[in-house]
Every structure is written in C-alpha cells, then in structure tokens.
Amino acid sequence: PPRERQIVLLRFFHNKTQSEIAAEVGVSQMHVSRLLVKALGTLRGAMGVDA
C-alpha cells in the first residue's frame, strides 16, 4: 500500500525517526510503528524470510 511504502522509504532511505515520519504523514508515532511492523512483515513474506 502507498502509505506503508512511504513510511518504509522515509524510515530506511531518508533515516527519519518514527516521530518525524508521524509529523510528516499526519498520524501518531504509534500508528507509524504499527504500519512499519505490517510493511516489514509483508516484505519478509514476499522474500520468503521467516521472522
């Protein structure tokens, strides 16, 4: 999903903190954390990696 993609890009390619991402995207830091967990799980599944 586009929002998860944006959050992953901001976190890992732009080295932003969860709080910085939350302010930029307009959601809470906790929601950013949840979206990151979901997005990383999706990526792991797509790569066939067990976490």
N, C-alpha and C. Protein backbone atom coordinates (compact mmCIF):
# COMPACT_ATOMS: atom_id res chain seq x y z
N PRO A 1 0.82 -1.21 0.00
CA PRO A 1 0.00 0.00 0.00
C PRO A 1 0.87 1.28 0.00
N PRO A 2 0.40 2.32 -0.62
CA PRO A 2 1.19 3.54 -0.76
C PRO A 2 1.67 4.15 0.56
N ARG A 3 0.81 4.17 1.57
CA ARG A 3 1.22 4.78 2.84
C ARG A 3 2.33 3.96 3.50
N GLU A 4 2.21 2.64 3.47
CA GLU A 4 3.25 1.79 4.05
C GLU A 4 4.56 1.96 3.29
N ARG A 5 4.47 2.04 1.97
CA ARG A 5 5.66 2.25 1.14
C ARG A 5 6.33 3.57 1.52
N GLN A 6 5.53 4.62 1.66
CA GLN A 6 6.08 5.93 2.01
C GLN A 6 6.79 5.87 3.37
N ILE A 7 6.18 5.21 4.33
CA ILE A 7 6.76 5.13 5.67
C ILE A 7 8.06 4.34 5.66
N VAL A 8 8.10 3.23 4.93
CA VAL A 8 9.35 2.45 4.82
C VAL A 8 10.44 3.28 4.16
N LEU A 9 10.11 3.99 3.10
CA LEU A 9 11.10 4.83 2.42
C LEU A 9 11.63 5.92 3.34
N LEU A 10 10.73 6.58 4.06
CA LEU A 10 11.17 7.64 4.97
C LEU A 10 12.05 7.08 6.09
N ARG A 11 11.68 5.91 6.60
CA ARG A 11 12.43 5.33 7.73
C ARG A 11 13.81 4.82 7.32
N PHE A 12 13.88 4.09 6.24
CA PHE A 12 15.12 3.40 5.91
C PHE A 12 15.96 4.06 4.83
N PHE A 13 15.37 4.90 4.00
CA PHE A 13 16.15 5.55 2.95
C PHE A 13 16.40 7.02 3.24
N HIS A 14 15.56 7.61 4.12
CA HIS A 14 15.75 9.00 4.49
C HIS A 14 16.14 9.14 5.96
N ASN A 15 16.31 7.99 6.63
CA ASN A 15 16.76 7.94 8.03
C ASN A 15 15.96 8.83 8.97
N LYS A 16 14.66 8.85 8.79
CA LYS A 16 13.79 9.64 9.67
C LYS A 16 13.35 8.78 10.85
N THR A 17 13.12 9.44 11.97
CA THR A 17 12.60 8.73 13.14
C THR A 17 11.10 8.51 12.97
N GLN A 18 10.56 7.63 13.79
CA GLN A 18 9.12 7.39 13.74
C GLN A 18 8.36 8.67 14.05
N SER A 19 8.85 9.47 14.98
CA SER A 19 8.19 10.73 15.33
C SER A 19 8.22 11.71 14.17
N GLU A 20 9.35 11.79 13.48
CA GLU A 20 9.45 12.68 12.32
C GLU A 20 8.50 12.23 11.21
N ILE A 21 8.43 10.92 11.00
CA ILE A 21 7.52 10.38 9.98
C ILE A 21 6.08 10.69 10.36
N ALA A 22 5.74 10.50 11.62
CA ALA A 22 4.38 10.75 12.08
C ALA A 22 3.97 12.20 11.81
N ALA A 23 4.85 13.13 12.10
CA ALA A 23 4.55 14.55 11.87
C ALA A 23 4.38 14.83 10.38
N GLU A 24 5.22 14.22 9.56
CA GLU A 24 5.18 14.45 8.12
C GLU A 24 3.93 13.84 7.47
N VAL A 25 3.57 12.65 7.91
CA VAL A 25 2.45 11.92 7.29
C VAL A 25 1.10 12.32 7.91
N GLY A 26 1.14 12.80 9.15
CA GLY A 26 -0.09 13.22 9.80
C GLY A 26 -0.80 12.14 10.59
N VAL A 27 0.00 11.22 11.15
CA VAL A 27 -0.56 10.17 12.01
C VAL A 27 0.26 10.14 13.30
N SER A 28 -0.16 9.33 14.27
CA SER A 28 0.58 9.23 15.52
C SER A 28 1.84 8.38 15.33
N GLN A 29 2.78 8.54 16.24
CA GLN A 29 4.01 7.75 16.21
C GLN A 29 3.68 6.28 16.39
N MET A 30 2.69 5.97 17.21
CA MET A 30 2.29 4.59 17.44
C MET A 30 1.75 3.97 16.15
N HIS A 31 1.00 4.75 15.39
CA HIS A 31 0.46 4.24 14.12
C HIS A 31 1.60 3.99 13.13
N VAL A 32 2.59 4.86 13.11
CA VAL A 32 3.77 4.66 12.26
C VAL A 32 4.43 3.34 12.64
N SER A 33 4.59 3.10 13.93
CA SER A 33 5.21 1.87 14.40
C SER A 33 4.43 0.65 13.90
N ARG A 34 3.12 0.69 14.02
CA ARG A 34 2.29 -0.44 13.57
C ARG A 34 2.39 -0.65 12.06
N LEU A 35 2.38 0.45 11.32
CA LEU A 35 2.49 0.34 9.86
C LEU A 35 3.84 -0.22 9.44
N LEU A 36 4.91 0.16 10.15
CA LEU A 36 6.23 -0.38 9.84
C LEU A 36 6.27 -1.88 10.08
N VAL A 37 5.73 -2.32 11.20
CA VAL A 37 5.70 -3.76 11.51
C VAL A 37 4.94 -4.51 10.41
N LYS A 38 3.80 -3.97 10.01
CA LYS A 38 2.99 -4.61 8.97
C LYS A 38 3.74 -4.64 7.64
N ALA A 39 4.33 -3.51 7.26
CA ALA A 39 5.04 -3.42 5.98
C ALA A 39 6.25 -4.34 5.95
N LEU A 40 7.00 -4.38 7.04
CA LEU A 40 8.19 -5.25 7.08
C LEU A 40 7.78 -6.72 7.05
N GLY A 41 6.67 -7.06 7.68
CA GLY A 41 6.16 -8.43 7.60
C GLY A 41 5.78 -8.80 6.18
N THR A 42 5.17 -7.87 5.48
CA THR A 42 4.80 -8.09 4.08
C THR A 42 6.05 -8.31 3.23
N LEU A 43 7.06 -7.48 3.46
CA LEU A 43 8.32 -7.62 2.70
C LEU A 43 8.99 -8.95 3.00
N ARG A 44 9.03 -9.34 4.27
CA ARG A 44 9.63 -10.63 4.63
C ARG A 44 8.90 -11.78 3.94
N GLY A 45 7.58 -11.71 3.94
CA GLY A 45 6.78 -12.75 3.29
C GLY A 45 7.06 -12.81 1.80
N ALA A 46 7.19 -11.66 1.17
CA ALA A 46 7.45 -11.61 -0.27
C ALA A 46 8.82 -12.18 -0.61
N MET A 47 9.75 -12.06 0.33
CA MET A 47 11.11 -12.58 0.11
C MET A 47 11.27 -14.00 0.61
N GLY A 48 10.23 -14.54 1.25
CA GLY A 48 10.30 -15.90 1.76
C GLY A 48 11.17 -16.03 3.00
N VAL A 49 11.23 -14.96 3.80
CA VAL A 49 12.05 -14.97 5.01
C VAL A 49 11.14 -15.15 6.21
N ASP A 50 11.47 -16.11 7.07
CA ASP A 50 10.73 -16.28 8.32
C ASP A 50 11.32 -15.36 9.36
N ALA A 51 10.44 -14.66 10.10
CA ALA A 51 10.95 -13.73 11.11
C ALA A 51 10.69 -14.28 12.48
